């Protein structure tokens, strides 16, 4: 059984998900932006009555609002953030992102590795367009998709930020729309939806 806990964190109201699949746990987009949100996330993890056999922190892409809590999370669990290799330079240039949005603070670097995950019940779908390395996580047997900022309820990711590409995004959306209509979509912002609802 797939257990999904969602949090809405930070000034950009970014969705952060904790997914439990048997003894495997994923933290998708560590967006906790302050100590209160970090504590909320930690309390949820502490409520588990088992020790995960596998635990990963995965970023759907390298934008700052999905990585507010990356430094904290990597120190908390002593593991790196996994993301598509094409977005690692974006995440490593976090100060440029802060400057772009007028955020007057200095980001702290955190460990990042390209994902090399095999033999899992989910697949990673590369969906460039919002960023070069945007990904979605798809559980075909559970009809569940975590779409990051590629697909939203009644919308899709913006392409006017550095690395955005509308042509690539259209191709990525077509790839997602080829999935079964009853696939439940958990986006990076906003409410849940389905593939069928977004095809219209």
C-alpha atoms as a PDB file:
ATOM      1  CA  UNK A   1       0.000   0.000   0.000  1.00  0.00           C
ATOM      2  CA  UNK A   2       1.277   3.433  -0.966  1.00  0.00           C
ATOM      3  CA  UNK A   3       0.999   5.971   1.856  1.00  0.00           C
ATOM      4  CA  UNK A   4       1.288   9.622   0.860  1.00  0.00           C
ATOM      5  CA  UNK A   5       1.623  12.557   3.235  1.00  0.00           C
ATOM      6  CA  UNK A   6       1.597  16.022   1.714  1.00  0.00           C
ATOM      7  CA  UNK A   7       2.828  19.297   3.175  1.00  0.00           C
ATOM      8  CA  UNK A   8       2.538  22.815   1.780  1.00  0.00           C
ATOM      9  CA  UNK A   9       5.699  24.704   2.681  1.00  0.00           C
ATOM     10  CA  UNK A  10       7.365  28.042   2.142  1.00  0.00           C
ATOM     11  CA  UNK A  11       6.443  31.422   0.658  1.00  0.00           C
ATOM     12  CA  UNK A  12       5.815  29.838  -2.764  1.00  0.00           C
ATOM     13  CA  UNK A  13       3.375  27.299  -1.239  1.00  0.00           C
ATOM     14  CA  UNK A  14       5.345  24.359  -2.563  1.00  0.00           C
ATOM     15  CA  UNK A  15       4.080  20.832  -2.074  1.00  0.00           C
ATOM     16  CA  UNK A  16       6.442  18.466  -0.277  1.00  0.00           C
ATOM     17  CA  UNK A  17       5.576  14.768  -0.165  1.00  0.00           C
ATOM     18  CA  UNK A  18       6.597  11.857   2.009  1.00  0.00           C
ATOM     19  CA  UNK A  19       5.835   8.563   0.279  1.00  0.00           C
ATOM     20  CA  UNK A  20       5.928   5.227   2.072  1.00  0.00           C
ATOM     21  CA  UNK A  21       5.981   2.137  -0.126  1.00  0.00           C
ATOM     22  CA  UNK A  22       6.488  -0.832   2.135  1.00  0.00           C
ATOM     23  CA  UNK A  23       9.797  -0.278   3.887  1.00  0.00           C
ATOM     24  CA  UNK A  24      10.902   2.305   1.303  1.00  0.00           C
ATOM     25  CA  UNK A  25      10.462   5.995   2.110  1.00  0.00           C
ATOM     26  CA  UNK A  26      10.900   8.929  -0.263  1.00  0.00           C
ATOM     27  CA  UNK A  27      11.026  12.600   0.645  1.00  0.00           C
ATOM     28  CA  UNK A  28      10.040  14.391  -2.553  1.00  0.00           C
ATOM     29  CA  UNK A  29      11.013  18.075  -2.768  1.00  0.00           C
ATOM     30  CA  UNK A  30      12.325  19.144   0.682  1.00  0.00           C
ATOM     31  CA  UNK A  31      10.622  22.536   0.588  1.00  0.00           C
ATOM     32  CA  UNK A  32      10.530  23.235   4.348  1.00  0.00           C
ATOM     33  CA  UNK A  33      11.694  26.844   4.592  1.00  0.00           C
ATOM     34  CA  UNK A  34      11.907  27.498   8.333  1.00  0.00           C
ATOM     35  CA  UNK A  35      12.358  25.758  11.669  1.00  0.00           C
ATOM     36  CA  UNK A  36       8.614  25.334  12.219  1.00  0.00           C
ATOM     37  CA  UNK A  37       8.173  23.522   8.906  1.00  0.00           C
ATOM     38  CA  UNK A  38      11.284  21.449   9.496  1.00  0.00           C
ATOM     39  CA  UNK A  39       9.933  20.394  12.884  1.00  0.00           C
ATOM     40  CA  UNK A  40       6.565  19.514  11.356  1.00  0.00           C
ATOM     41  CA  UNK A  41       8.285  17.258   8.835  1.00  0.00           C
ATOM     42  CA  UNK A  42      10.556  15.711  11.458  1.00  0.00           C
ATOM     43  CA  UNK A  43       7.632  14.930  13.762  1.00  0.00           C
ATOM     44  CA  UNK A  44       5.928  13.072  10.959  1.00  0.00           C
ATOM     45  CA  UNK A  45       9.055  10.998  10.317  1.00  0.00           C
ATOM     46  CA  UNK A  46       9.373  10.295  14.036  1.00  0.00           C
ATOM     47  CA  UNK A  47       5.833   8.897  14.036  1.00  0.00           C
ATOM     48  CA  UNK A  48       6.949   5.914  11.934  1.00  0.00           C
ATOM     49  CA  UNK A  49       6.941   2.679  13.909  1.00  0.00           C
ATOM     50  CA  UNK A  50       9.562   1.058  11.686  1.00  0.00           C
ATOM     51  CA  UNK A  51      13.022   1.720  10.315  1.00  0.00           C
ATOM     52  CA  UNK A  52      12.971   2.264   6.531  1.00  0.00           C
ATOM     53  CA  UNK A  53      15.158  -0.157   4.598  1.00  0.00           C
ATOM     54  CA  UNK A  54      15.555   2.445   1.858  1.00  0.00           C
ATOM     55  CA  UNK A  55      15.286   6.226   2.193  1.00  0.00           C
ATOM     56  CA  UNK A  56      15.883   8.800  -0.537  1.00  0.00           C
ATOM     57  CA  UNK A  57      15.495  12.557  -0.843  1.00  0.00           C
ATOM     58  CA  UNK A  58      14.507  13.331  -4.434  1.00  0.00           C
ATOM     59  CA  UNK A  59      14.015  16.737  -6.051  1.00  0.00           C
ATOM     60  CA  UNK A  60      11.689  16.969  -9.029  1.00  0.00           C
ATOM     61  CA  UNK A  61      13.846  19.851 -10.258  1.00  0.00           C
ATOM     62  CA  UNK A  62      16.427  22.375  -9.114  1.00  0.00           C
ATOM     63  CA  UNK A  63      14.380  25.467  -8.300  1.00  0.00           C
ATOM     64  CA  UNK A  64      14.882  27.127  -4.938  1.00  0.00           C
ATOM     65  CA  UNK A  65      11.316  26.740  -3.666  1.00  0.00           C
ATOM     66  CA  UNK A  66      11.599  22.950  -3.902  1.00  0.00           C
ATOM     67  CA  UNK A  67      14.928  22.968  -2.091  1.00  0.00           C
ATOM     68  CA  UNK A  68      14.496  25.420   0.801  1.00  0.00           C
ATOM     69  CA  UNK A  69      15.034  22.595   3.270  1.00  0.00           C
ATOM     70  CA  UNK A  70      17.650  20.626   1.338  1.00  0.00           C
ATOM     71  CA  UNK A  71      20.581  21.667   3.544  1.00  0.00           C
ATOM     72  CA  UNK A  72      18.655  20.778   6.688  1.00  0.00           C
ATOM     73  CA  UNK A  73      17.346  17.476   5.317  1.00  0.00           C
ATOM     74  CA  UNK A  74      20.726  16.261   4.073  1.00  0.00           C
ATOM     75  CA  UNK A  75      22.238  16.981   7.480  1.00  0.00           C
ATOM     76  CA  UNK A  76      19.296  15.471   9.327  1.00  0.00           C
ATOM     77  CA  UNK A  77      19.505  12.124   7.505  1.00  0.00           C
ATOM     78  CA  UNK A  78      23.094  12.230   6.244  1.00  0.00           C
ATOM     79  CA  UNK A  79      22.178  11.507   2.622  1.00  0.00           C
ATOM     80  CA  UNK A  80      22.365  13.693  -0.518  1.00  0.00           C
ATOM     81  CA  UNK A  81      19.548  15.094  -2.582  1.00  0.00           C
ATOM     82  CA  UNK A  82      19.028  13.107  -5.768  1.00  0.00           C
ATOM     83  CA  UNK A  83      18.046  14.909  -8.960  1.00  0.00           C
ATOM     84  CA  UNK A  84      18.437  14.718 -12.706  1.00  0.00           C
ATOM     85  CA  UNK A  85      21.991  15.573 -13.716  1.00  0.00           C
ATOM     86  CA  UNK A  86      20.771  18.329 -16.052  1.00  0.00           C
ATOM     87  CA  UNK A  87      19.462  20.319 -13.068  1.00  0.00           C
ATOM     88  CA  UNK A  88      22.441  19.942 -10.769  1.00  0.00           C
ATOM     89  CA  UNK A  89      24.105  23.115 -12.147  1.00  0.00           C
ATOM     90  CA  UNK A  90      20.839  24.980 -11.532  1.00  0.00           C
ATOM     91  CA  UNK A  91      20.702  23.836  -7.909  1.00  0.00           C
ATOM     92  CA  UNK A  92      24.359  24.649  -7.396  1.00  0.00           C
ATOM     93  CA  UNK A  93      23.766  28.205  -8.669  1.00  0.00           C
ATOM     94  CA  UNK A  94      21.232  28.886  -5.929  1.00  0.00           C
ATOM     95  CA  UNK A  95      22.540  32.389  -5.247  1.00  0.00           C
ATOM     96  CA  UNK A  96      21.568  33.403  -8.785  1.00  0.00           C
ATOM     97  CA  UNK A  97      18.055  32.136  -8.132  1.00  0.00           C
ATOM     98  CA  UNK A  98      17.886  34.094  -4.883  1.00  0.00           C
ATOM     99  CA  UNK A  99      19.034  37.232  -6.692  1.00  0.00           C
ATOM    100  CA  UNK A 100      16.464  36.704  -9.452  1.00  0.00           C
ATOM    101  CA  UNK A 101      13.630  36.712  -6.931  1.00  0.00           C
ATOM    102  CA  UNK A 102      15.123  39.472  -4.789  1.00  0.00           C
ATOM    103  CA  UNK A 103      15.714  37.194  -1.807  1.00  0.00           C
ATOM    104  CA  UNK A 104      18.294  38.791   0.456  1.00  0.00           C
ATOM    105  CA  UNK A 105      19.968  35.784   1.974  1.00  0.00           C
ATOM    106  CA  UNK A 106      22.901  33.579   1.187  1.00  0.00           C
ATOM    107  CA  UNK A 107      22.002  29.960   0.414  1.00  0.00           C
ATOM    108  CA  UNK A 108      24.076  27.187   1.948  1.00  0.00           C
ATOM    109  CA  UNK A 109      25.380  24.452  -0.361  1.00  0.00           C
ATOM    110  CA  UNK A 110      24.168  20.909   0.164  1.00  0.00           C
ATOM    111  CA  UNK A 111      25.243  17.530  -1.239  1.00  0.00           C
ATOM    112  CA  UNK A 112      23.639  16.544  -4.549  1.00  0.00           C
ATOM    113  CA  UNK A 113      23.988  13.417  -6.652  1.00  0.00           C
ATOM    114  CA  UNK A 114      22.430  12.397  -9.958  1.00  0.00           C
ATOM    115  CA  UNK A 115      19.856   9.729  -9.326  1.00  0.00           C
ATOM    116  CA  UNK A 116      20.875   6.171 -10.158  1.00  0.00           C
ATOM    117  CA  UNK A 117      17.919   4.244  -8.768  1.00  0.00           C
ATOM    118  CA  UNK A 118      17.185   0.757 -10.030  1.00  0.00           C
ATOM    119  CA  UNK A 119      14.761  -2.047  -9.214  1.00  0.00           C
ATOM    120  CA  UNK A 120      12.103   0.188  -7.671  1.00  0.00           C
ATOM    121  CA  UNK A 121       8.291   0.025  -7.958  1.00  0.00           C
ATOM    122  CA  UNK A 122       8.319   3.515  -9.451  1.00  0.00           C
ATOM    123  CA  UNK A 123       9.860   4.936 -12.587  1.00  0.00           C
ATOM    124  CA  UNK A 124      11.372   8.344 -13.152  1.00  0.00           C
ATOM    125  CA  UNK A 125      10.090  10.143 -16.232  1.00  0.00           C
ATOM    126  CA  UNK A 126      12.313  12.909 -17.581  1.00  0.00           C
ATOM    127  CA  UNK A 127      10.024  15.846 -18.402  1.00  0.00           C
ATOM    128  CA  UNK A 128      12.151  18.839 -19.455  1.00  0.00           C
ATOM    129  CA  UNK A 129      10.589  22.184 -20.201  1.00  0.00           C
ATOM    130  CA  UNK A 130      10.077  23.891 -16.858  1.00  0.00           C
ATOM    131  CA  UNK A 131      13.765  23.159 -16.274  1.00  0.00           C
ATOM    132  CA  UNK A 132      16.185  21.004 -18.278  1.00  0.00           C
ATOM    133  CA  UNK A 133      16.198  18.284 -15.618  1.00  0.00           C
ATOM    134  CA  UNK A 134      12.579  18.253 -14.467  1.00  0.00           C
ATOM    135  CA  UNK A 135      11.308  14.784 -13.604  1.00  0.00           C
ATOM    136  CA  UNK A 136       8.094  13.052 -12.570  1.00  0.00           C
ATOM    137  CA  UNK A 137       7.873   9.968 -10.371  1.00  0.00           C
ATOM    138  CA  UNK A 138       5.352   7.386 -11.528  1.00  0.00           C
ATOM    139  CA  UNK A 139       3.985   4.323  -9.749  1.00  0.00           C
ATOM    140  CA  UNK A 140       2.264   2.414 -12.608  1.00  0.00           C
ATOM    141  CA  UNK A 141       0.790  -0.265 -10.348  1.00  0.00           C
ATOM    142  CA  UNK A 142      -0.675   2.351  -8.008  1.00  0.00           C
ATOM    143  CA  UNK A 143      -1.760   4.852 -10.704  1.00  0.00           C
ATOM    144  CA  UNK A 144       0.098   7.653  -8.941  1.00  0.00           C
ATOM    145  CA  UNK A 145       2.270  10.396 -10.450  1.00  0.00           C
ATOM    146  CA  UNK A 146       4.253  13.118  -8.694  1.00  0.00           C
ATOM    147  CA  UNK A 147       4.523  15.735 -11.414  1.00  0.00           C
ATOM    148  CA  UNK A 148       6.679  18.455  -9.849  1.00  0.00           C
ATOM    149  CA  UNK A 149       6.190  21.704 -11.749  1.00  0.00           C
ATOM    150  CA  UNK A 150       5.556  20.035 -15.106  1.00  0.00           C
ATOM    151  CA  UNK A 151       1.803  19.536 -14.677  1.00  0.00           C
ATOM    152  CA  UNK A 152      -0.638  21.231 -12.312  1.00  0.00           C
ATOM    153  CA  UNK A 153      -4.373  21.134 -11.808  1.00  0.00           C
ATOM    154  CA  UNK A 154      -5.621  23.244 -14.745  1.00  0.00           C
ATOM    155  CA  UNK A 155      -2.131  24.348 -15.673  1.00  0.00           C
ATOM    156  CA  UNK A 156       1.508  23.593 -16.301  1.00  0.00           C
ATOM    157  CA  UNK A 157       4.920  24.912 -15.365  1.00  0.00           C
ATOM    158  CA  UNK A 158       6.227  28.261 -16.491  1.00  0.00           C
ATOM    159  CA  UNK A 159       9.016  28.395 -19.047  1.00  0.00           C
ATOM    160  CA  UNK A 160      10.168  32.005 -18.692  1.00  0.00           C
ATOM    161  CA  UNK A 161      12.840  31.240 -16.103  1.00  0.00           C
ATOM    162  CA  UNK A 162      16.441  30.306 -17.034  1.00  0.00           C
ATOM    163  CA  UNK A 163      16.486  26.866 -18.653  1.00  0.00           C
ATOM    164  CA  UNK A 164      12.786  26.887 -19.511  1.00  0.00           C
ATOM    165  CA  UNK A 165      11.700  25.712 -22.940  1.00  0.00           C
ATOM    166  CA  UNK A 166       8.083  25.698 -24.116  1.00  0.00           C
ATOM    167  CA  UNK A 167       8.681  23.220 -26.946  1.00  0.00           C
ATOM    168  CA  UNK A 168      10.204  20.725 -24.552  1.00  0.00           C
ATOM    169  CA  UNK A 169       7.395  21.283 -22.059  1.00  0.00           C
ATOM    170  CA  UNK A 170       4.759  20.536 -24.705  1.00  0.00           C
ATOM    171  CA  UNK A 171       6.566  17.293 -25.545  1.00  0.00           C
ATOM    172  CA  UNK A 172       6.736  16.412 -21.851  1.00  0.00           C
ATOM    173  CA  UNK A 173       3.033  17.096 -21.339  1.00  0.00           C
ATOM    174  CA  UNK A 174       2.200  14.857 -24.290  1.00  0.00           C
ATOM    175  CA  UNK A 175       4.288  12.139 -22.661  1.00  0.00           C
ATOM    176  CA  UNK A 176       2.285  12.488 -19.440  1.00  0.00           C
ATOM    177  CA  UNK A 177      -1.060  12.650 -21.259  1.00  0.00           C
ATOM    178  CA  UNK A 178      -0.258   9.235 -22.759  1.00  0.00           C
ATOM    179  CA  UNK A 179      -0.543   7.735 -19.260  1.00  0.00           C
ATOM    180  CA  UNK A 180      -3.858   6.159 -18.187  1.00  0.00           C
ATOM    181  CA  UNK A 181      -6.568   8.688 -17.453  1.00  0.00           C
ATOM    182  CA  UNK A 182      -7.135   7.470 -13.907  1.00  0.00           C
ATOM    183  CA  UNK A 183      -3.576   8.207 -12.841  1.00  0.00           C
ATOM    184  CA  UNK A 184      -3.757  10.437  -9.760  1.00  0.00           C
ATOM    185  CA  UNK A 185      -1.460  13.452 -10.068  1.00  0.00           C
ATOM    186  CA  UNK A 186       0.276  15.092  -7.103  1.00  0.00           C
ATOM    187  CA  UNK A 187       1.736  18.377  -8.387  1.00  0.00           C
ATOM    188  CA  UNK A 188       4.448  20.642  -7.038  1.00  0.00           C
ATOM    189  CA  UNK A 189       1.923  23.382  -6.305  1.00  0.00           C
ATOM    190  CA  UNK A 190      -1.816  23.430  -5.818  1.00  0.00           C
ATOM    191  CA  UNK A 191      -4.412  20.709  -5.593  1.00  0.00           C
ATOM    192  CA  UNK A 192      -4.323  17.114  -6.769  1.00  0.00           C
ATOM    193  CA  UNK A 193      -5.804  16.132 -10.131  1.00  0.00           C
ATOM    194  CA  UNK A 194      -5.872  13.279 -12.644  1.00  0.00           C
ATOM    195  CA  UNK A 195      -4.430  12.772 -16.095  1.00  0.00           C
ATOM    196  CA  UNK A 196      -7.935  12.555 -17.583  1.00  0.00           C
ATOM    197  CA  UNK A 197      -8.942  15.894 -16.056  1.00  0.00           C
ATOM    198  CA  UNK A 198      -5.881  17.636 -17.485  1.00  0.00           C
ATOM    199  CA  UNK A 199      -6.199  16.178 -20.997  1.00  0.00           C
ATOM    200  CA  UNK A 200      -9.337  18.237 -21.622  1.00  0.00           C
END
